Amino acid sequence: MSKQAAQDSDAALSLILRRAENSLRQRLQPALDVEGLLFEHWQIMAVLLAKPGLRMSAIADAAVLPPATLTRHMDKLVEHALVIRRIDPDDKRSTVVALSARGATFAGQLRAVEQELVSSLGPKHYTSLVGELTRLS
C-alpha cells in the first residue's frame, strides 16, 4: 500500500473526494485557462455533452451548482460561443441549453483529458469507482 493510500484509508471521505476533484481540476485547468474558463464551466459543459437540450434547473442539479451561479456561468459560456440558449418549444416560459458546435469540440477535448485519468485506473477499477460513487450520491 502506498503512503498516500495509507493516509487516505484514515482520512475523511470528504477529503479523499476533494483530493480526487483537485487532481482532475489540475489536469483540466490548462485547457480551461486558454478559454478563460473555470472548472465549473466544465461541469456545465459535461452535463450538456451527455444530455443536450436541458432546462436550466436540470443543468443546475446535474452540475451540482446553485441556480444563481449557473446563470452567471452560463452567460460566460454563451459569450464564448460554447453554448446556445433557446426557448423551450414545449414550454415557452423555460429555456433549454445545448453545446454549440464549438462547445462540443472543446468539451470533447476536455473529455479526452478526463479519459487519460480514467485510463490510468483501468476499466474494471473505473466501473467500480463510478458504481460506488453513484451509490453514495
Protein backbone atom coordinates (compact mmCIF):
# COMPACT_ATOMS: atom_id res chain seq x y z
CA MET A 1 0.00 0.00 0.00
CA SER A 2 1.38 3.42 -0.96
CA LYS A 3 1.98 6.11 1.65
CA GLN A 4 -0.89 8.21 0.18
CA ALA A 5 -3.22 5.20 0.17
CA ALA A 6 -2.37 4.50 3.81
CA GLN A 7 -3.07 8.12 4.72
CA ASP A 8 -6.32 8.10 2.72
CA SER A 9 -7.58 4.96 4.47
CA ASP A 10 -7.71 7.03 7.67
CA ALA A 11 -8.89 10.28 6.03
CA ALA A 12 -12.43 11.56 5.96
CA LEU A 13 -14.32 10.65 2.81
CA SER A 14 -14.83 14.34 2.08
CA LEU A 15 -11.05 14.86 1.98
CA ILE A 16 -10.45 11.90 -0.30
CA LEU A 17 -13.15 13.10 -2.69
CA ARG A 18 -11.77 16.65 -2.56
CA ARG A 19 -8.24 15.41 -3.42
CA ALA A 20 -9.61 13.45 -6.37
CA GLU A 21 -11.54 16.50 -7.60
CA ASN A 22 -8.43 18.66 -7.16
CA SER A 23 -6.40 16.21 -9.26
CA LEU A 24 -8.99 16.41 -12.03
CA ARG A 25 -9.10 20.22 -11.79
CA GLN A 26 -5.32 20.42 -12.15
CA ARG A 27 -5.41 18.29 -15.28
CA LEU A 28 -8.24 20.26 -16.90
CA GLN A 29 -7.31 23.78 -15.86
CA PRO A 30 -4.62 24.43 -18.54
CA ALA A 31 -7.17 23.81 -21.31
CA LEU A 32 -9.80 25.85 -19.47
CA ASP A 33 -7.31 28.71 -18.98
CA VAL A 34 -6.93 29.03 -22.75
CA GLU A 35 -10.63 29.97 -22.91
CA GLY A 36 -10.62 31.92 -19.63
CA LEU A 37 -12.98 29.40 -18.04
CA LEU A 38 -13.34 27.78 -14.65
CA PHE A 39 -13.79 24.15 -13.63
CA GLU A 40 -17.46 24.94 -13.02
CA HIS A 41 -17.82 25.74 -16.71
CA TRP A 42 -16.56 22.24 -17.46
CA GLN A 43 -19.15 20.80 -15.07
CA ILE A 44 -21.88 22.53 -17.08
CA MET A 45 -20.40 21.50 -20.42
CA ALA A 46 -20.00 17.90 -19.26
CA VAL A 47 -23.70 17.79 -18.39
CA LEU A 48 -24.63 19.24 -21.79
CA LEU A 49 -22.28 16.87 -23.59
CA ALA A 50 -24.14 13.95 -22.04
CA LYS A 51 -27.64 15.46 -22.26
CA PRO A 52 -28.16 18.34 -24.69
CA GLY A 53 -31.31 20.43 -24.58
CA LEU A 54 -31.78 20.52 -20.81
CA ARG A 55 -33.58 23.23 -18.89
CA MET A 56 -31.52 25.44 -16.60
CA SER A 57 -32.92 23.85 -13.43
CA ALA A 58 -31.93 20.37 -14.64
CA ILE A 59 -28.45 21.61 -15.53
CA ALA A 60 -28.03 23.17 -12.07
CA ASP A 61 -29.00 19.89 -10.42
CA ALA A 62 -26.81 17.74 -12.66
CA ALA A 63 -23.78 20.08 -12.47
CA VAL A 64 -24.23 20.48 -8.69
CA LEU A 65 -24.30 24.29 -8.94
CA PRO A 66 -26.66 26.81 -7.34
CA PRO A 67 -29.11 28.28 -9.90
CA ALA A 68 -27.82 31.85 -9.44
CA THR A 69 -24.25 30.71 -10.02
CA LEU A 70 -25.33 28.66 -13.02
CA THR A 71 -26.85 31.72 -14.69
CA ARG A 72 -23.61 33.68 -14.35
CA HIS A 73 -21.52 30.78 -15.65
CA MET A 74 -23.96 30.14 -18.49
CA ASP A 75 -23.71 33.79 -19.57
CA LYS A 76 -19.94 33.37 -19.90
CA LEU A 77 -20.33 30.17 -21.92
CA VAL A 78 -22.74 31.98 -24.25
CA GLU A 79 -20.26 34.88 -24.60
CA HIS A 80 -17.57 32.38 -25.60
CA ALA A 81 -19.96 30.80 -28.15
CA LEU A 82 -19.71 27.44 -26.38
CA VAL A 83 -23.42 27.02 -25.64
CA ILE A 84 -26.69 28.03 -27.23
CA ARG A 85 -29.79 29.01 -25.25
CA ARG A 86 -33.21 28.71 -26.80
CA ILE A 87 -36.82 28.97 -25.68
CA ASP A 88 -38.12 25.52 -24.83
CA PRO A 89 -40.52 24.55 -27.62
CA ASP A 90 -42.63 22.58 -25.11
CA ASP A 91 -42.81 25.37 -22.52
CA LYS A 92 -42.32 28.92 -23.78
CA ARG A 93 -41.58 30.10 -20.21
CA SER A 94 -38.42 27.97 -20.00
CA THR A 95 -35.04 28.00 -21.66
CA VAL A 96 -33.16 24.96 -22.91
CA VAL A 97 -29.43 24.87 -23.46
CA ALA A 98 -27.12 22.81 -25.66
CA LEU A 99 -23.49 22.94 -26.67
CA SER A 100 -22.69 24.82 -29.86
CA ALA A 101 -20.51 23.08 -32.46
CA ARG A 102 -17.53 24.95 -31.00
CA GLY A 103 -18.61 23.94 -27.50
CA ALA A 104 -18.96 20.30 -28.46
CA THR A 105 -15.45 20.31 -29.92
CA PHE A 106 -14.00 21.95 -26.82
CA ALA A 107 -15.94 19.64 -24.49
CA GLY A 108 -14.58 16.69 -26.45
CA GLN A 109 -11.03 17.94 -25.83
CA LEU A 110 -11.72 18.26 -22.11
CA ARG A 111 -13.33 14.85 -22.04
CA ALA A 112 -10.17 13.41 -23.62
CA VAL A 113 -8.14 14.84 -20.72
CA GLU A 114 -10.55 13.19 -18.28
CA GLN A 115 -10.23 9.92 -20.20
CA GLU A 116 -6.46 9.92 -19.58
CA LEU A 117 -7.20 9.80 -15.87
CA VAL A 118 -9.83 7.11 -16.41
CA SER A 119 -7.36 5.06 -18.45
CA SER A 120 -4.83 5.19 -15.63
CA LEU A 121 -7.41 3.47 -13.40
CA GLY A 122 -8.25 0.78 -15.90
CA PRO A 123 -11.79 -0.13 -16.98
CA LYS A 124 -12.54 -2.51 -14.09
CA HIS A 125 -11.49 -0.03 -11.37
CA TYR A 126 -13.20 2.86 -13.15
CA THR A 127 -16.51 0.98 -13.45
CA SER A 128 -16.29 0.00 -9.78
CA LEU A 129 -15.45 3.58 -8.72
CA VAL A 130 -18.34 5.07 -10.69
CA GLY A 131 -20.71 2.49 -9.28
CA GLU A 132 -19.68 3.13 -5.70
CA LEU A 133 -19.71 6.92 -6.04
CA THR A 134 -23.11 6.80 -7.74
CA ARG A 135 -24.39 4.69 -4.86
CA LEU A 136 -23.11 7.30 -2.38
CA SER A 137 -24.83 10.15 -4.16
